[in-house]
Amino acid sequence: MEITVHLPDDLAQWADPGRQALEALAVDGYRSGAFTQYQAAQILGMSRLEFEGLLKQRDVQENAYDVEDFEDDLRTARALKTDSAVVR
């Protein structure tokens, strides 16, 4: 899908205003919960790690990957490792 946005001339003078608008859309969508981190990264053509870097540059803390998320991922990885060992 393609979306066209008409910007006032003064805003169109910014360096790459289309990219700036797209980043604002993705970041705000992520902050509001409309997009997952994966979806927002896809909109921008970034990996999740690159998108996390963009969030850090913009000082966005909402929904940030935290220690609890890491511990959940670690438990899941351990469970998958255990499950795959049983299957063999």
C-alpha atoms as a PDB file:
ATOM      1  CA  MET A   1       0.000   0.000   0.000  1.00  0.00           C
ATOM      2  CA  GLU A   2       1.178   3.476  -0.733  1.00  0.00           C
ATOM      3  CA  ILE A   3       0.131   6.567   1.208  1.00  0.00           C
ATOM      4  CA  THR A   4       0.646  10.090  -0.107  1.00  0.00           C
ATOM      5  CA  VAL A   5       1.003  13.008   2.285  1.00  0.00           C
ATOM      6  CA  HIS A   6       1.100  16.620   1.153  1.00  0.00           C
ATOM      7  CA  LEU A   7       3.430  18.698   3.302  1.00  0.00           C
ATOM      8  CA  PRO A   8       3.523  22.475   3.537  1.00  0.00           C
ATOM      9  CA  ASP A   9       6.506  23.948   1.681  1.00  0.00           C
ATOM     10  CA  ASP A  10       8.317  24.892   4.893  1.00  0.00           C
ATOM     11  CA  LEU A  11       8.208  21.275   6.122  1.00  0.00           C
ATOM     12  CA  ALA A  12       9.147  19.914   2.718  1.00  0.00           C
ATOM     13  CA  GLN A  13      12.479  21.764   3.036  1.00  0.00           C
ATOM     14  CA  TRP A  14      13.643  19.408   5.803  1.00  0.00           C
ATOM     15  CA  ALA A  15      16.175  16.739   4.949  1.00  0.00           C
ATOM     16  CA  ASP A  16      14.171  13.671   3.821  1.00  0.00           C
ATOM     17  CA  PRO A  17      10.774  14.743   5.202  1.00  0.00           C
ATOM     18  CA  GLY A  18       9.118  11.551   3.945  1.00  0.00           C
ATOM     19  CA  ARG A  19      11.437   9.375   6.012  1.00  0.00           C
ATOM     20  CA  GLN A  20      10.976  11.610   9.053  1.00  0.00           C
ATOM     21  CA  ALA A  21       7.196  11.335   8.739  1.00  0.00           C
ATOM     22  CA  LEU A  22       7.401   7.548   8.344  1.00  0.00           C
ATOM     23  CA  GLU A  23       9.637   7.246  11.420  1.00  0.00           C
ATOM     24  CA  ALA A  24       7.233   9.407  13.423  1.00  0.00           C
ATOM     25  CA  LEU A  25       4.331   7.200  12.349  1.00  0.00           C
ATOM     26  CA  ALA A  26       6.137   3.985  13.275  1.00  0.00           C
ATOM     27  CA  VAL A  27       7.432   5.263  16.621  1.00  0.00           C
ATOM     28  CA  ASP A  28       4.093   6.770  17.646  1.00  0.00           C
ATOM     29  CA  GLY A  29       2.274   3.636  16.532  1.00  0.00           C
ATOM     30  CA  TYR A  30       4.635   1.556  18.640  1.00  0.00           C
ATOM     31  CA  ARG A  31       4.285   3.853  21.657  1.00  0.00           C
ATOM     32  CA  SER A  32       0.497   3.730  21.481  1.00  0.00           C
ATOM     33  CA  GLY A  33       0.423  -0.036  21.081  1.00  0.00           C
ATOM     34  CA  ALA A  34      -1.060   0.103  17.570  1.00  0.00           C
ATOM     35  CA  PHE A  35       2.078  -1.603  16.203  1.00  0.00           C
ATOM     36  CA  THR A  36       4.275  -4.261  17.710  1.00  0.00           C
ATOM     37  CA  GLN A  37       7.994  -3.646  17.685  1.00  0.00           C
ATOM     38  CA  TYR A  38       8.287  -6.087  14.795  1.00  0.00           C
ATOM     39  CA  GLN A  39       5.566  -4.308  12.783  1.00  0.00           C
ATOM     40  CA  ALA A  40       7.070  -0.859  13.378  1.00  0.00           C
ATOM     41  CA  ALA A  41      10.503  -2.142  12.341  1.00  0.00           C
ATOM     42  CA  GLN A  42       8.991  -3.649   9.172  1.00  0.00           C
ATOM     43  CA  ILE A  43       7.353  -0.344   8.250  1.00  0.00           C
ATOM     44  CA  LEU A  44      10.793   1.254   8.370  1.00  0.00           C
ATOM     45  CA  GLY A  45      12.614  -1.616   6.689  1.00  0.00           C
ATOM     46  CA  MET A  46      14.709  -2.182   9.823  1.00  0.00           C
ATOM     47  CA  SER A  47      15.592  -5.130  11.986  1.00  0.00           C
ATOM     48  CA  ARG A  48      14.166  -5.163  15.492  1.00  0.00           C
ATOM     49  CA  LEU A  49      17.600  -4.253  16.854  1.00  0.00           C
ATOM     50  CA  GLU A  50      17.880  -1.282  14.491  1.00  0.00           C
ATOM     51  CA  PHE A  51      14.412  -0.150  15.555  1.00  0.00           C
ATOM     52  CA  GLU A  52      15.441  -0.436  19.211  1.00  0.00           C
ATOM     53  CA  GLY A  53      18.368   1.838  18.352  1.00  0.00           C
ATOM     54  CA  LEU A  54      15.980   4.384  16.828  1.00  0.00           C
ATOM     55  CA  LEU A  55      13.808   4.233  19.955  1.00  0.00           C
ATOM     56  CA  LYS A  56      16.881   4.825  22.101  1.00  0.00           C
ATOM     57  CA  GLN A  57      17.918   7.813  19.942  1.00  0.00           C
ATOM     58  CA  ARG A  58      14.443   9.274  20.458  1.00  0.00           C
ATOM     59  CA  ASP A  59      14.487   8.449  24.179  1.00  0.00           C
ATOM     60  CA  VAL A  60      11.382   6.250  23.905  1.00  0.00           C
ATOM     61  CA  GLN A  61      11.083   4.080  27.012  1.00  0.00           C
ATOM     62  CA  GLU A  62       7.525   2.766  26.649  1.00  0.00           C
ATOM     63  CA  ASN A  63       7.366  -0.948  25.917  1.00  0.00           C
ATOM     64  CA  ALA A  64      11.156  -1.156  26.000  1.00  0.00           C
ATOM     65  CA  TYR A  65      12.717  -4.608  26.196  1.00  0.00           C
ATOM     66  CA  ASP A  66      13.479  -4.979  29.886  1.00  0.00           C
ATOM     67  CA  VAL A  67      14.862  -7.512  32.348  1.00  0.00           C
ATOM     68  CA  GLU A  68      11.477  -9.210  32.684  1.00  0.00           C
ATOM     69  CA  ASP A  69      11.307  -9.661  28.903  1.00  0.00           C
ATOM     70  CA  PHE A  70      14.817 -11.099  28.913  1.00  0.00           C
ATOM     71  CA  GLU A  71      13.959 -13.530  31.702  1.00  0.00           C
ATOM     72  CA  ASP A  72      10.832 -14.646  29.798  1.00  0.00           C
ATOM     73  CA  ASP A  73      12.918 -15.218  26.670  1.00  0.00           C
ATOM     74  CA  LEU A  74      15.513 -17.126  28.678  1.00  0.00           C
ATOM     75  CA  ARG A  75      12.825 -19.401  30.197  1.00  0.00           C
ATOM     76  CA  THR A  76      11.377 -20.017  26.739  1.00  0.00           C
ATOM     77  CA  ALA A  77      14.800 -20.847  25.293  1.00  0.00           C
ATOM     78  CA  ARG A  78      15.508 -23.260  28.143  1.00  0.00           C
ATOM     79  CA  ALA A  79      12.120 -24.933  27.709  1.00  0.00           C
ATOM     80  CA  LEU A  80      12.685 -25.312  23.969  1.00  0.00           C
ATOM     81  CA  LYS A  81      16.135 -26.763  24.588  1.00  0.00           C
ATOM     82  CA  THR A  82      14.672 -29.255  27.072  1.00  0.00           C
ATOM     83  CA  ASP A  83      11.817 -30.167  24.698  1.00  0.00           C
ATOM     84  CA  SER A  84      14.205 -30.745  21.785  1.00  0.00           C
ATOM     85  CA  ALA A  85      16.425 -32.950  23.956  1.00  0.00           C
ATOM     86  CA  VAL A  86      13.411 -35.124  24.837  1.00  0.00           C
ATOM     87  CA  VAL A  87      12.386 -35.532  21.183  1.00  0.00           C
ATOM     88  CA  ARG A  88      15.763 -36.950  20.171  1.00  0.00           C
END
